[in-house]
Amino acid sequence: MTNVFDVLKERGFIQQTTHEDEIRELLGKESVTFYTGYDPTADSLHVGHFLQLIAMAHLQRAGHRPILLIGGGTAMVGDPSGRTDMRKMLTLEDIQHNGECFKNQCSNFLDFSEGKGILANNADWLMNLTYVPFLREIGKHFSVNRMLTAECFKSRMEKGLSFLEFNYMIMQSYDFLELYRRYGCKLQLGGDDQWSNIIHGADLIRRVEGAPAYGMTFTLLTNSEGNKMGKTQSGAVWLSPEKTSPYEFYQYWRNVDDRDVEKCLSLLTFLPMEEVRRLGALEGSEINKAKEVLAFEVTQLVHGTEEAKKAEEAAKALFGKGAMSESIPFTEIAQEEFQDGMEILTLLAKAGLIPSRSEGRRLVQQGGVAVNDQKIEDANHIIQLTDFTDGTLMIKKGKKVYHQIRIN
């Protein structure tokens, strides 16, 4: 029987481990309770979280028990990892709402039924701590000198690190201890930017409980140039269909760089590795077939088979390969607004395709906007009712973003 550690390693997930041989042995001989935590700082998870959910699903399928920890308490402070400035403070109501959104999304990938998985919220213990006893029991195990060598703090020392954020590492470490005490959790997982927090948590359990605890980080989702994936001109690629439509989600994966196809298939789908390697080896125009498989598989996992099929059909429609689908993003505008014509910049703004008129002007001047496949070269161009066919027109932004305008 294949050890899930070897599966994760072969697929490219594992970046760092506290004790590789011990972790591999542990995962091979018993059902291990492990956890990953997400601070609910938005009302949806994004594709960076998705990679970790897939890794957790691999572990659960191999018989291990996941704990999904919603950071209702840590979100009150804010993780300084990967930040150049302090996070915006959220209200308790926002944090609770976002946490519910996270739980619903994660339930699509992991089984939280009795004995299979656990949903927890660190607000249950962090919000009730009393300061002096916490300092005496937990604070004494942390060296400030050692904490300051952590990457998440070093990068902030010049601009300034608030005492509030400085406590984050201690709070996350305490989470691991609490989950060990409540559920026998021995392994913490996270993105590689969480390494410092994870090793301090494992160390705390060893010091306080005298018991072994382990940490493992996953690779961050980056492209062949080392930049984080999951960003578009309009922002993050979210798992929520309200924030990133299934069509836009599909198109994002359909348009990844040729060099990133095999990596994405390996990390973000459950396709066997023989198939991943076969698809990744395709060359020339054939690689587009692999991109279509990637886009369909990932969209199906996140949004379901029906939405994946609609998105696939819509993509083909744009290239003259099928019937037009309702999955293409669109904006409805009253016909009266076009009676005297509408400036292209105004239309782009109404469709949510540009953050500002100056950005739109620059986009047009660089040849990045087409209407009905005709490039717009004048930022003062006026869109007329005569530009519409059957009440619709198609805007193309850059090489990959399509948006339909409908008049009503």
Foldseek 3Di string as FASTA:
>chain_A
DDQLLVLCVVLAWFDDKPDVVVVSVVSVPDAAEEEEEDELPDLFAFVQVLLVLVSVLSSLVSPHEYEYEYALPLLQQQALQPHQDGDDHDDSVSRVNSSVSHVVQSVLRAPCPPPRYHYYYLCVPNVPDDPPVCCVQQVVLDDPVVLCVQPSNVSHVVVDDDPSNSCSLSSLLVVLLVCCVPPVHAEYEEAPSCVVSRVSNQVRCCVNVVDGHMYTYTYGCAAPVRHHPQADPLGGHTLDCVVPNLLNQLLSLLPHDLQCLLSLCSRQAPPDNVVSVVLNPDDDPSVSVSSLVSSLRNSCSRPNNVSSVLSSQCVCVVVVRHDHGPRAAEDEDALVVQQVFDQPLVVCVNSSNDPDLVRVQVQLCVQFKDKQNHTRNHNRDTDHPVSDDPQKIWMGGHDGHIYMYGYD
